[in-house]
Amino acid sequence: MNAAWPVTLSHGDVSVRPIRISDAYRWQQIRLANQEWLSEWEATSPSPDIELAPTFRQSTRRMLKDARAGRCMPFVVEYQGKFVGQLNVSDIVFGALRAAHFGYWIDEEHAGRGIMTTAVALVTDHLLFDLHLHRVEVAIRPENIPSNKLVHRLGFQYEGTRKAFLHINHQWRDHHIYVMMREDLVNRLVTTLPAH
């Protein structure tokens, strides 16, 4: 069993907790209601005729297995106890690298309230202070202005642009790469945020 997982983190009305198979219905509700809102930023298969997208249950089972092995952390973002988004930490590596990256999405109704900023701060703090990783990375499309502002606000440093980095919304898309390293922080990020 991975000692760092499962973990629940919270600040004010915002919490991040491990995703569960029982989240399927709420996840499907949110995704259906936000189909247009999220489609511009969603990962897609470059070969949809060959690769079928996994179901929520298939994807969650795989992520939870990887989480138990210490390779990822699939979180649900909650606001006042209600599932409003997701934040997935991937490719956790220890040894000489000690790094991870993550991505996230939020329900349009709850966007712009600082909820995801708090969730990102909580998870970044956990990765750098509790897991003692050295480097946390986020890849964001240049066109996603709110997400670019979110990581800037928290102090992530822009490292450059990876050309055609991920297949998003049926095309290979450039992504800005932002990084936070442990030595960049004196205190936890969440201590600088208001409680929601």
N, C-alpha and C. Protein backbone atom coordinates (compact mmCIF):
# COMPACT_ATOMS: atom_id res chain seq x y z
N MET A 1 0.84 -1.20 0.00
CA MET A 1 0.00 0.00 0.00
C MET A 1 0.88 1.25 0.00
N ASN A 2 0.52 2.23 -0.81
CA ASN A 2 1.25 3.48 -0.89
C ASN A 2 0.92 4.34 0.33
N ALA A 3 1.92 4.71 1.11
CA ALA A 3 1.70 5.47 2.35
C ALA A 3 1.15 6.86 2.08
N ALA A 4 1.38 7.42 0.88
CA ALA A 4 0.91 8.77 0.55
C ALA A 4 -0.52 8.77 0.01
N TRP A 5 -1.11 7.62 -0.11
CA TRP A 5 -2.44 7.50 -0.71
C TRP A 5 -3.27 6.48 0.04
N PRO A 6 -4.53 6.68 0.31
CA PRO A 6 -5.32 7.85 -0.07
C PRO A 6 -5.12 9.02 0.89
N VAL A 7 -5.37 10.23 0.39
CA VAL A 7 -5.26 11.43 1.22
C VAL A 7 -6.37 12.40 0.82
N THR A 8 -6.91 13.09 1.81
CA THR A 8 -7.89 14.16 1.57
C THR A 8 -7.29 15.44 2.11
N LEU A 9 -7.39 16.52 1.34
CA LEU A 9 -6.81 17.81 1.69
C LEU A 9 -7.92 18.85 1.66
N SER A 10 -7.90 19.82 2.56
CA SER A 10 -8.95 20.83 2.54
C SER A 10 -8.47 22.17 3.05
N HIS A 11 -9.17 23.21 2.59
CA HIS A 11 -8.95 24.59 3.03
C HIS A 11 -10.28 25.31 2.88
N GLY A 12 -10.86 25.73 3.99
CA GLY A 12 -12.17 26.35 3.93
C GLY A 12 -13.20 25.39 3.36
N ASP A 13 -13.97 25.85 2.39
CA ASP A 13 -15.02 25.05 1.78
C ASP A 13 -14.53 24.18 0.62
N VAL A 14 -13.23 24.25 0.32
CA VAL A 14 -12.67 23.48 -0.80
C VAL A 14 -11.91 22.27 -0.27
N SER A 15 -12.18 21.13 -0.87
CA SER A 15 -11.40 19.94 -0.52
C SER A 15 -11.11 19.13 -1.78
N VAL A 16 -10.05 18.37 -1.69
CA VAL A 16 -9.72 17.39 -2.74
C VAL A 16 -9.65 16.04 -2.04
N ARG A 17 -10.30 15.06 -2.65
CA ARG A 17 -10.33 13.73 -2.06
C ARG A 17 -10.18 12.71 -3.17
N PRO A 18 -9.81 11.47 -2.83
CA PRO A 18 -9.66 10.44 -3.85
C PRO A 18 -10.96 10.19 -4.61
N ILE A 19 -10.84 10.03 -5.90
CA ILE A 19 -12.01 9.68 -6.71
C ILE A 19 -12.46 8.27 -6.35
N ARG A 20 -13.76 8.01 -6.50
CA ARG A 20 -14.32 6.70 -6.19
C ARG A 20 -15.17 6.22 -7.36
N ILE A 21 -15.31 4.92 -7.49
CA ILE A 21 -16.18 4.35 -8.51
C ILE A 21 -17.60 4.88 -8.33
N SER A 22 -18.01 5.09 -7.09
CA SER A 22 -19.36 5.58 -6.80
C SER A 22 -19.58 7.03 -7.24
N ASP A 23 -18.53 7.72 -7.70
CA ASP A 23 -18.67 9.08 -8.23
C ASP A 23 -19.20 9.08 -9.67
N ALA A 24 -19.39 7.92 -10.24
CA ALA A 24 -19.75 7.82 -11.67
C ALA A 24 -20.95 8.67 -12.04
N TYR A 25 -22.03 8.59 -11.28
CA TYR A 25 -23.26 9.29 -11.66
C TYR A 25 -23.04 10.81 -11.65
N ARG A 26 -22.45 11.34 -10.57
CA ARG A 26 -22.21 12.79 -10.48
C ARG A 26 -21.23 13.24 -11.56
N TRP A 27 -20.18 12.45 -11.81
CA TRP A 27 -19.20 12.77 -12.84
C TRP A 27 -19.89 12.87 -14.20
N GLN A 28 -20.73 11.89 -14.50
CA GLN A 28 -21.44 11.89 -15.78
C GLN A 28 -22.39 13.09 -15.90
N GLN A 29 -23.06 13.44 -14.81
CA GLN A 29 -23.95 14.61 -14.80
C GLN A 29 -23.17 15.88 -15.15
N ILE A 30 -22.05 16.08 -14.47
CA ILE A 30 -21.24 17.29 -14.69
C ILE A 30 -20.70 17.31 -16.11
N ARG A 31 -20.17 16.19 -16.55
CA ARG A 31 -19.57 16.14 -17.88
C ARG A 31 -20.61 16.39 -18.97
N LEU A 32 -21.80 15.88 -18.80
CA LEU A 32 -22.86 16.10 -19.78
C LEU A 32 -23.26 17.58 -19.79
N ALA A 33 -23.44 18.16 -18.62
CA ALA A 33 -23.83 19.56 -18.52
C ALA A 33 -22.74 20.50 -19.03
N ASN A 34 -21.49 20.06 -19.01
CA ASN A 34 -20.35 20.90 -19.38
C ASN A 34 -19.68 20.48 -20.69
N GLN A 35 -20.38 19.70 -21.48
CA GLN A 35 -19.78 19.16 -22.70
C GLN A 35 -19.18 20.25 -23.59
N GLU A 36 -19.94 21.29 -23.84
CA GLU A 36 -19.45 22.38 -24.70
C GLU A 36 -18.32 23.15 -24.01
N TRP A 37 -18.49 23.42 -22.74
CA TRP A 37 -17.51 24.17 -21.94
C TRP A 37 -16.16 23.46 -21.90
N LEU A 38 -16.16 22.13 -21.78
CA LEU A 38 -14.91 21.38 -21.63
C LEU A 38 -14.32 20.88 -22.95
N SER A 39 -15.12 20.79 -24.00
CA SER A 39 -14.67 20.14 -25.24
C SER A 39 -13.43 20.79 -25.84
N GLU A 40 -13.28 22.09 -25.67
CA GLU A 40 -12.12 22.79 -26.24
C GLU A 40 -10.81 22.38 -25.59
N TRP A 41 -10.88 21.85 -24.37
CA TRP A 41 -9.67 21.55 -23.59
C TRP A 41 -9.48 20.05 -23.36
N GLU A 42 -10.36 19.22 -23.87
CA GLU A 42 -10.32 17.79 -23.60
C GLU A 42 -9.33 17.02 -24.46
N ALA A 43 -8.61 16.12 -23.81
CA ALA A 43 -7.71 15.22 -24.54
C ALA A 43 -8.55 14.31 -25.44
N THR A 44 -8.06 14.08 -26.64
CA THR A 44 -8.74 13.20 -27.59
C THR A 44 -7.73 12.24 -28.18
N SER A 45 -8.22 11.15 -28.71
CA SER A 45 -7.32 10.18 -29.33
C SER A 45 -7.02 10.59 -30.77
N PRO A 46 -5.75 10.56 -31.17
CA PRO A 46 -5.43 10.83 -32.57
C PRO A 46 -5.91 9.71 -33.49
N SER A 47 -6.28 8.56 -32.93
CA SER A 47 -6.78 7.42 -33.71
C SER A 47 -8.09 6.91 -33.12
N PRO A 48 -9.16 7.74 -33.18
CA PRO A 48 -10.41 7.34 -32.53
C PRO A 48 -11.04 6.09 -33.14
N ASP A 49 -10.70 5.79 -34.39
CA ASP A 49 -11.23 4.59 -35.02
C ASP A 49 -10.60 3.31 -34.46
N ILE A 50 -9.43 3.45 -33.82
CA ILE A 50 -8.71 2.30 -33.26
C ILE A 50 -8.88 2.24 -31.74
N GLU A 51 -8.75 3.41 -31.10
CA GLU A 51 -8.78 3.47 -29.63
C GLU A 51 -10.12 3.99 -29.13
N LEU A 52 -10.83 3.17 -28.41
CA LEU A 52 -12.07 3.61 -27.80
C LEU A 52 -11.76 4.26 -26.46
N ALA A 53 -12.43 5.37 -26.16
CA ALA A 53 -12.23 6.03 -24.87
C ALA A 53 -12.74 5.11 -23.76
N PRO A 54 -11.97 5.00 -22.67
CA PRO A 54 -12.43 4.14 -21.56
C PRO A 54 -13.65 4.75 -20.88
N THR A 55 -14.47 3.91 -20.29
CA THR A 55 -15.60 4.41 -19.51
C THR A 55 -15.07 5.02 -18.22
N PHE A 56 -15.93 5.74 -17.50
CA PHE A 56 -15.53 6.31 -16.22
C PHE A 56 -15.03 5.21 -15.28
N ARG A 57 -15.77 4.12 -15.21
CA ARG A 57 -15.38 3.03 -14.29
C ARG A 57 -14.05 2.41 -14.69
N GLN A 58 -13.84 2.17 -15.98
CA GLN A 58 -12.56 1.60 -16.44
C GLN A 58 -11.41 2.54 -16.11
N SER A 59 -11.59 3.81 -16.43
CA SER A 59 -10.55 4.81 -16.20
C SER A 59 -10.26 4.95 -14.70
N THR A 60 -11.30 4.97 -13.88
CA THR A 60 -11.13 5.14 -12.43
C THR A 60 -10.44 3.93 -11.82
N ARG A 61 -10.84 2.73 -12.23
CA ARG A 61 -10.17 1.52 -11.71
C ARG A 61 -8.67 1.55 -12.03
N ARG A 62 -8.34 1.92 -13.27
CA ARG A 62 -6.93 2.00 -13.67
C ARG A 62 -6.18 3.04 -12.84
N MET A 63 -6.79 4.24 -12.67
CA MET A 63 -6.13 5.29 -11.90
C MET A 63 -5.94 4.89 -10.44
N LEU A 64 -6.95 4.25 -9.85
CA LEU A 64 -6.83 3.85 -8.45
C LEU A 64 -5.77 2.77 -8.26
N LYS A 65 -5.65 1.87 -9.23
CA LYS A 65 -4.58 0.86 -9.18
C LYS A 65 -3.21 1.55 -9.24
N ASP A 66 -3.07 2.51 -10.15
CA ASP A 66 -1.81 3.26 -10.26
C ASP A 66 -1.55 4.09 -9.00
N ALA A 67 -2.62 4.62 -8.39
CA ALA A 67 -2.47 5.40 -7.16
C ALA A 67 -1.92 4.52 -6.03
N ARG A 68 -2.46 3.31 -5.91
CA ARG A 68 -1.96 2.38 -4.87
C ARG A 68 -0.49 2.05 -5.10
N ALA A 69 -0.06 2.08 -6.36
CA ALA A 69 1.35 1.81 -6.68
C ALA A 69 2.23 3.05 -6.57
N GLY A 70 1.60 4.20 -6.25
CA GLY A 70 2.37 5.43 -6.06
C GLY A 70 2.68 6.19 -7.33
N ARG A 71 2.01 5.86 -8.44
CA ARG A 71 2.31 6.51 -9.72
C ARG A 71 1.42 7.70 -10.04
N CYS A 72 0.26 7.82 -9.37
CA CYS A 72 -0.64 8.92 -9.65
C CYS A 72 -1.53 9.19 -8.45
N MET A 73 -2.28 10.28 -8.52
CA MET A 73 -3.24 10.65 -7.48
C MET A 73 -4.46 11.25 -8.16
N PRO A 74 -5.52 10.47 -8.36
CA PRO A 74 -6.74 11.00 -8.99
C PRO A 74 -7.69 11.59 -7.94
N PHE A 75 -7.83 12.91 -8.00
CA PHE A 75 -8.63 13.62 -7.00
C PHE A 75 -9.94 14.14 -7.58
N VAL A 76 -10.97 14.19 -6.75
CA VAL A 76 -12.20 14.93 -6.99
C VAL A 76 -12.04 16.25 -6.25
N VAL A 77 -12.45 17.34 -6.89
CA VAL A 77 -12.47 18.65 -6.23
C VAL A 77 -13.90 18.88 -5.74
N GLU A 78 -14.03 19.19 -4.46
CA GLU A 78 -15.35 19.45 -3.88
C GLU A 78 -15.42 20.88 -3.35
N TYR A 79 -16.60 21.47 -3.49
CA TYR A 79 -16.88 22.78 -2.90
C TYR A 79 -18.12 22.62 -2.03
N GLN A 80 -17.96 22.92 -0.76
CA GLN A 80 -19.03 22.73 0.23
C GLN A 80 -19.59 21.30 0.15
N GLY A 81 -18.68 20.34 -0.03
CA GLY A 81 -19.05 18.93 -0.04
C GLY A 81 -19.61 18.42 -1.35
N LYS A 82 -19.67 19.26 -2.37
CA LYS A 82 -20.26 18.88 -3.66
C LYS A 82 -19.16 18.71 -4.72
N PHE A 83 -19.19 17.61 -5.44
CA PHE A 83 -18.25 17.33 -6.53
C PHE A 83 -18.41 18.40 -7.61
N VAL A 84 -17.33 19.19 -7.85
CA VAL A 84 -17.40 20.25 -8.86
C VAL A 84 -16.28 20.16 -9.90
N GLY A 85 -15.35 19.23 -9.75
CA GLY A 85 -14.26 19.14 -10.71
C GLY A 85 -13.33 17.99 -10.38
N GLN A 86 -12.25 17.95 -11.13
CA GLN A 86 -11.28 16.86 -10.97
C GLN A 86 -9.87 17.41 -11.14
N LEU A 87 -8.93 16.84 -10.40
CA LEU A 87 -7.51 17.18 -10.52
C LEU A 87 -6.75 15.86 -10.45
N ASN A 88 -6.02 15.54 -11.52
CA ASN A 88 -5.28 14.28 -11.57
C ASN A 88 -3.78 14.52 -11.61
N VAL A 89 -3.09 14.00 -10.62
CA VAL A 89 -1.63 14.02 -10.60
C VAL A 89 -1.15 12.75 -11.31
N SER A 90 -0.23 12.92 -12.24
CA SER A 90 0.25 11.78 -13.03
C SER A 90 1.77 11.68 -13.01
N ASP A 91 2.25 10.52 -13.41
CA ASP A 91 3.69 10.29 -13.59
C ASP A 91 4.53 10.72 -12.40
N ILE A 92 4.12 10.31 -11.21
CA ILE A 92 4.90 10.60 -10.01
C ILE A 92 6.16 9.74 -10.05
N VAL A 93 7.30 10.41 -9.95
CA VAL A 93 8.59 9.72 -10.03
C VAL A 93 9.44 10.16 -8.84
N PHE A 94 10.07 9.20 -8.19
CA PHE A 94 10.96 9.53 -7.07
C PHE A 94 12.41 9.40 -7.56
N GLY A 95 13.32 8.91 -6.77
CA GLY A 95 14.71 8.78 -7.20
C GLY A 95 15.35 10.14 -7.44
N ALA A 96 16.16 10.22 -8.48
CA ALA A 96 16.90 11.45 -8.76
C ALA A 96 16.02 12.56 -9.33
N LEU A 97 14.86 12.21 -9.88
CA LEU A 97 13.99 13.21 -10.51
C LEU A 97 13.02 13.84 -9.52
N ARG A 98 12.29 13.04 -8.75
CA ARG A 98 11.32 13.50 -7.76
C ARG A 98 10.37 14.54 -8.34
N ALA A 99 9.54 14.12 -9.27
CA ALA A 99 8.68 15.06 -9.99
C ALA A 99 7.32 14.45 -10.28
N ALA A 100 6.40 15.30 -10.70
CA ALA A 100 5.06 14.87 -11.12
C ALA A 100 4.47 16.00 -11.95
N HIS A 101 3.39 15.68 -12.65
CA HIS A 101 2.62 16.75 -13.30
C HIS A 101 1.14 16.51 -13.06
N PHE A 102 0.35 17.55 -13.27
CA PHE A 102 -1.09 17.37 -13.08
C PHE A 102 -1.89 18.23 -14.05
N GLY A 103 -3.17 17.85 -14.19
CA GLY A 103 -4.13 18.59 -14.98
C GLY A 103 -5.45 18.62 -14.22
N TYR A 104 -6.35 19.49 -14.65
CA TYR A 104 -7.59 19.67 -13.91
C TYR A 104 -8.70 20.22 -14.80
N TRP A 105 -9.92 20.09 -14.32
CA TRP A 105 -11.09 20.73 -14.94
C TRP A 105 -12.11 21.04 -13.85
N ILE A 106 -12.99 22.01 -14.15
CA ILE A 106 -14.02 22.40 -13.18
C ILE A 106 -15.33 22.66 -13.90
N ASP A 107 -16.41 22.42 -13.21
CA ASP A 107 -17.76 22.72 -13.67
C ASP A 107 -17.86 24.22 -13.96
N GLU A 108 -18.43 24.58 -15.12
CA GLU A 108 -18.51 25.99 -15.52
C GLU A 108 -19.22 26.85 -14.47
N GLU A 109 -20.25 26.29 -13.84
CA GLU A 109 -21.00 27.01 -12.81
C GLU A 109 -20.12 27.45 -11.64
N HIS A 110 -19.05 26.71 -11.40
CA HIS A 110 -18.17 27.00 -10.26
C HIS A 110 -16.84 27.63 -10.66
N ALA A 111 -16.66 27.89 -11.94
CA ALA A 111 -15.41 28.49 -12.43
C ALA A 111 -15.34 29.97 -12.02
N GLY A 112 -14.10 30.45 -11.86
CA GLY A 112 -13.89 31.86 -11.57
C GLY A 112 -14.11 32.26 -10.12
N ARG A 113 -14.27 31.30 -9.23
CA ARG A 113 -14.50 31.60 -7.81
C ARG A 113 -13.28 31.33 -6.93
N GLY A 114 -12.18 30.89 -7.54
CA GLY A 114 -10.99 30.57 -6.76
C GLY A 114 -10.97 29.15 -6.22
N ILE A 115 -11.97 28.37 -6.57
CA ILE A 115 -12.04 26.99 -6.07
C ILE A 115 -10.88 26.16 -6.60
N MET A 116 -10.65 26.23 -7.92
CA MET A 116 -9.56 25.44 -8.48
C MET A 116 -8.20 25.99 -8.07
N THR A 117 -8.10 27.30 -7.88
CA THR A 117 -6.84 27.87 -7.37
C THR A 117 -6.50 27.23 -6.03
N THR A 118 -7.50 27.12 -5.15
CA THR A 118 -7.29 26.50 -3.84
C THR A 118 -6.93 25.02 -3.99
N ALA A 119 -7.63 24.31 -4.87
CA ALA A 119 -7.34 22.89 -5.09
C ALA A 119 -5.92 22.69 -5.59
N VAL A 120 -5.50 23.51 -6.55
CA VAL A 120 -4.13 23.41 -7.09
C VAL A 120 -3.11 23.71 -6.00
N ALA A 121 -3.37 24.72 -5.18
CA ALA A 121 -2.46 25.04 -4.07
C ALA A 121 -2.36 23.88 -3.08
N LEU A 122 -3.49 23.30 -2.72
CA LEU A 122 -3.49 22.17 -1.78
C LEU A 122 -2.66 21.00 -2.30
N VAL A 123 -2.88 20.65 -3.56
CA VAL A 123 -2.18 19.49 -4.13
C VAL A 123 -0.70 19.80 -4.34
N THR A 124 -0.38 21.00 -4.80
CA THR A 124 1.04 21.38 -4.97
C THR A 124 1.76 21.32 -3.63
N ASP A 125 1.13 21.87 -2.59
CA ASP A 125 1.73 21.81 -1.24
C ASP A 125 1.96 20.36 -0.81
N HIS A 126 0.96 19.52 -1.04
CA HIS A 126 1.09 18.11 -0.65
C HIS A 126 2.26 17.44 -1.38
N LEU A 127 2.37 17.69 -2.67
CA LEU A 127 3.44 17.06 -3.45
C LEU A 127 4.82 17.54 -3.04
N LEU A 128 4.96 18.84 -2.79
CA LEU A 128 6.29 19.40 -2.49
C LEU A 128 6.67 19.30 -1.01
N PHE A 129 5.72 19.48 -0.12
CA PHE A 129 6.05 19.47 1.31
C PHE A 129 5.88 18.11 1.96
N ASP A 130 4.84 17.36 1.58
CA ASP A 130 4.57 16.08 2.23
C ASP A 130 5.23 14.90 1.53
N LEU A 131 5.17 14.90 0.18
CA LEU A 131 5.81 13.82 -0.58
C LEU A 131 7.28 14.13 -0.86
N HIS A 132 7.69 15.36 -0.62
CA HIS A 132 9.07 15.81 -0.82
C HIS A 132 9.52 15.67 -2.27
N LEU A 133 8.57 15.94 -3.19
CA LEU A 133 8.98 16.01 -4.59
C LEU A 133 9.76 17.30 -4.79
N HIS A 134 10.54 17.35 -5.85
CA HIS A 134 11.35 18.52 -6.15
C HIS A 134 10.68 19.44 -7.15
N ARG A 135 9.88 18.87 -8.06
CA ARG A 135 9.36 19.63 -9.20
C ARG A 135 7.94 19.18 -9.54
N VAL A 136 7.05 20.16 -9.71
CA VAL A 136 5.67 19.89 -10.12
C VAL A 136 5.42 20.70 -11.38
N GLU A 137 4.87 20.05 -12.38
CA GLU A 137 4.70 20.66 -13.70
C GLU A 137 3.23 20.64 -14.13
N VAL A 138 2.82 21.71 -14.81
CA VAL A 138 1.48 21.82 -15.38
C VAL A 138 1.61 22.26 -16.82
N ALA A 139 0.89 21.59 -17.73
CA ALA A 139 0.87 21.96 -19.15
C ALA A 139 -0.50 22.57 -19.46
N ILE A 140 -0.49 23.79 -20.04
CA ILE A 140 -1.73 24.52 -20.29
C ILE A 140 -1.70 25.10 -21.70
N ARG A 141 -2.80 24.94 -22.42
CA ARG A 141 -2.87 25.55 -23.75
C ARG A 141 -2.77 27.07 -23.64
N PRO A 142 -2.01 27.71 -24.55
CA PRO A 142 -1.89 29.17 -24.50
C PRO A 142 -3.24 29.89 -24.55
N GLU A 143 -4.21 29.29 -25.23
CA GLU A 143 -5.53 29.91 -25.38
C GLU A 143 -6.36 29.85 -24.10
N ASN A 144 -5.96 29.04 -23.15
CA ASN A 144 -6.73 28.89 -21.92
C ASN A 144 -6.29 29.96 -20.92
N ILE A 145 -6.78 31.17 -21.14
CA ILE A 145 -6.36 32.32 -20.35
C ILE A 145 -6.62 32.14 -18.85
N PRO A 146 -7.81 31.68 -18.42
CA PRO A 146 -8.03 31.52 -16.98
C PRO A 146 -7.04 30.56 -16.32
N SER A 147 -6.72 29.45 -16.98
CA SER A 147 -5.76 28.50 -16.39
C SER A 147 -4.36 29.08 -16.34
N ASN A 148 -3.96 29.81 -17.38
CA ASN A 148 -2.65 30.46 -17.37
C ASN A 148 -2.57 31.46 -16.22
N LYS A 149 -3.64 32.22 -16.00
CA LYS A 149 -3.67 33.19 -14.90
C LYS A 149 -3.62 32.49 -13.54
N LEU A 150 -4.33 31.36 -13.43
CA LEU A 150 -4.37 30.62 -12.17
C LEU A 150 -2.96 30.24 -11.71
N VAL A 151 -2.18 29.62 -12.59
CA VAL A 151 -0.84 29.18 -12.17
C VAL A 151 0.11 30.37 -11.96
N HIS A 152 -0.05 31.43 -12.75
CA HIS A 152 0.75 32.65 -12.51
C HIS A 152 0.48 33.20 -11.12
N ARG A 153 -0.81 33.26 -10.77
CA ARG A 153 -1.21 33.78 -9.46
C ARG A 153 -0.55 33.02 -8.33
N LEU A 154 -0.41 31.72 -8.49
CA LEU A 154 0.19 30.90 -7.43
C LEU A 154 1.72 30.93 -7.45
N GLY A 155 2.31 31.48 -8.50
CA GLY A 155 3.77 31.59 -8.55
C GLY A 155 4.47 30.53 -9.37
N PHE A 156 3.73 29.72 -10.12
CA PHE A 156 4.38 28.78 -11.04
C PHE A 156 5.17 29.57 -12.07
N GLN A 157 6.33 29.05 -12.45
CA GLN A 157 7.19 29.74 -13.41
C GLN A 157 7.00 29.17 -14.81
N TYR A 158 6.87 30.07 -15.79
CA TYR A 158 6.75 29.66 -17.18
C TYR A 158 8.11 29.17 -17.66
N GLU A 159 8.14 27.96 -18.22
CA GLU A 159 9.40 27.39 -18.70
C GLU A 159 9.55 27.40 -20.20
N GLY A 160 8.44 27.49 -20.92
CA GLY A 160 8.50 27.49 -22.37
C GLY A 160 7.26 26.84 -22.95
N THR A 161 7.26 26.70 -24.26
CA THR A 161 6.12 26.11 -24.96
C THR A 161 6.55 24.82 -25.63
N ARG A 162 5.80 23.76 -25.40
CA ARG A 162 6.03 22.49 -26.10
C ARG A 162 5.11 22.45 -27.30
N LYS A 163 5.69 22.38 -28.47
CA LYS A 163 4.92 22.37 -29.72
C LYS A 163 4.19 21.04 -29.88
N ALA A 164 2.93 21.14 -30.33
CA ALA A 164 2.11 19.95 -30.62
C ALA A 164 2.26 18.90 -29.51
N PHE A 165 2.11 19.34 -28.28
CA PHE A 165 2.43 18.51 -27.11
C PHE A 165 1.37 17.44 -26.83
N LEU A 166 0.09 17.83 -26.89
CA LEU A 166 -0.99 16.89 -26.59
C LEU A 166 -2.08 16.98 -27.64
N HIS A 167 -2.74 15.85 -27.87
CA HIS A 167 -3.86 15.82 -28.80
C HIS A 167 -5.12 16.24 -28.04
N ILE A 168 -5.59 17.45 -28.33
CA ILE A 168 -6.71 18.05 -27.61
C ILE A 168 -7.76 18.48 -28.63
N ASN A 169 -9.00 18.12 -28.36
CA ASN A 169 -10.09 18.54 -29.23
C ASN A 169 -9.78 18.29 -30.70
N HIS A 170 -9.25 17.09 -30.97
CA HIS A 170 -9.03 16.58 -32.32
C HIS A 170 -7.87 17.20 -33.10
N GLN A 171 -6.96 17.88 -32.41
CA GLN A 171 -5.75 18.40 -33.05
C GLN A 171 -4.59 18.35 -32.08
N TRP A 172 -3.36 18.28 -32.64
CA TRP A 172 -2.18 18.39 -31.79
C TRP A 172 -2.02 19.84 -31.39
N ARG A 173 -1.93 20.10 -30.09
CA ARG A 173 -1.94 21.47 -29.58
C ARG A 173 -0.67 21.81 -28.82
N ASP A 174 -0.20 23.05 -29.01
CA ASP A 174 0.91 23.58 -28.23
C ASP A 174 0.44 23.77 -26.78
N HIS A 175 1.39 23.64 -25.85
CA HIS A 175 1.10 23.87 -24.43
C HIS A 175 2.21 24.68 -23.78
N HIS A 176 1.81 25.65 -22.96
CA HIS A 176 2.76 26.33 -22.09
C HIS A 176 3.08 25.38 -20.93
N ILE A 177 4.33 25.35 -20.54
CA ILE A 177 4.76 24.53 -19.41
C ILE A 177 5.11 25.44 -18.23
N TYR A 178 4.47 25.16 -17.11
CA TYR A 178 4.71 25.91 -15.88
C TYR A 178 5.23 24.95 -14.82
N VAL A 179 6.14 25.46 -13.99
CA VAL A 179 6.80 24.61 -13.00
C VAL A 179 6.85 25.31 -11.64
N MET A 180 6.66 24.52 -10.61
CA MET A 180 6.91 24.96 -9.24
C MET A 180 7.90 23.98 -8.64
N MET A 181 8.97 24.50 -8.04
CA MET A 181 9.96 23.65 -7.40
C MET A 181 9.97 23.93 -5.90
N ARG A 182 10.36 22.94 -5.14
CA ARG A 182 10.32 23.05 -3.69
C ARG A 182 11.10 24.26 -3.19
N GLU A 183 12.24 24.55 -3.81
CA GLU A 183 13.05 25.68 -3.34
C GLU A 183 12.41 27.03 -3.66
N ASP A 184 11.36 27.03 -4.51
CA ASP A 184 10.64 28.27 -4.81
C ASP A 184 9.75 28.71 -3.65
N LEU A 185 9.47 27.79 -2.72
CA LEU A 185 8.49 28.07 -1.67
C LEU A 185 9.13 28.13 -0.29
N VAL A 186 8.78 29.17 0.45
CA VAL A 186 9.16 29.26 1.86
C VAL A 186 8.04 28.64 2.69
N ASN A 187 6.82 29.02 2.38
CA ASN A 187 5.64 28.53 3.08
C ASN A 187 4.71 27.82 2.10
N ARG A 188 3.77 27.07 2.63
CA ARG A 188 2.78 26.41 1.79
C ARG A 188 1.96 27.46 1.03
N LEU A 189 1.63 27.15 -0.21
CA LEU A 189 0.84 28.05 -1.04
C LEU A 189 -0.51 28.38 -0.40
N VAL A 190 -1.11 27.38 0.23
CA VAL A 190 -2.46 27.56 0.75
C VAL A 190 -2.50 28.61 1.86
N THR A 191 -1.37 28.90 2.50
CA THR A 191 -1.35 29.91 3.57
C THR A 191 -1.54 31.32 3.01
N THR A 192 -1.36 31.49 1.72
CA THR A 192 -1.52 32.82 1.09
C THR A 192 -2.93 33.04 0.57
N LEU A 193 -3.80 32.03 0.66
CA LEU A 193 -5.13 32.11 0.07
C LEU A 193 -6.20 32.39 1.10
N PRO A 194 -7.27 33.10 0.69
CA PRO A 194 -8.41 33.25 1.60
C PRO A 194 -9.16 31.94 1.67
N ALA A 195 -9.80 31.67 2.78
CA ALA A 195 -10.65 30.47 2.90
C ALA A 195 -11.97 30.76 2.19
N HIS A 196 -12.47 29.78 1.43
CA HIS A 196 -13.75 29.94 0.70
C HIS A 196 -14.88 29.47 1.58
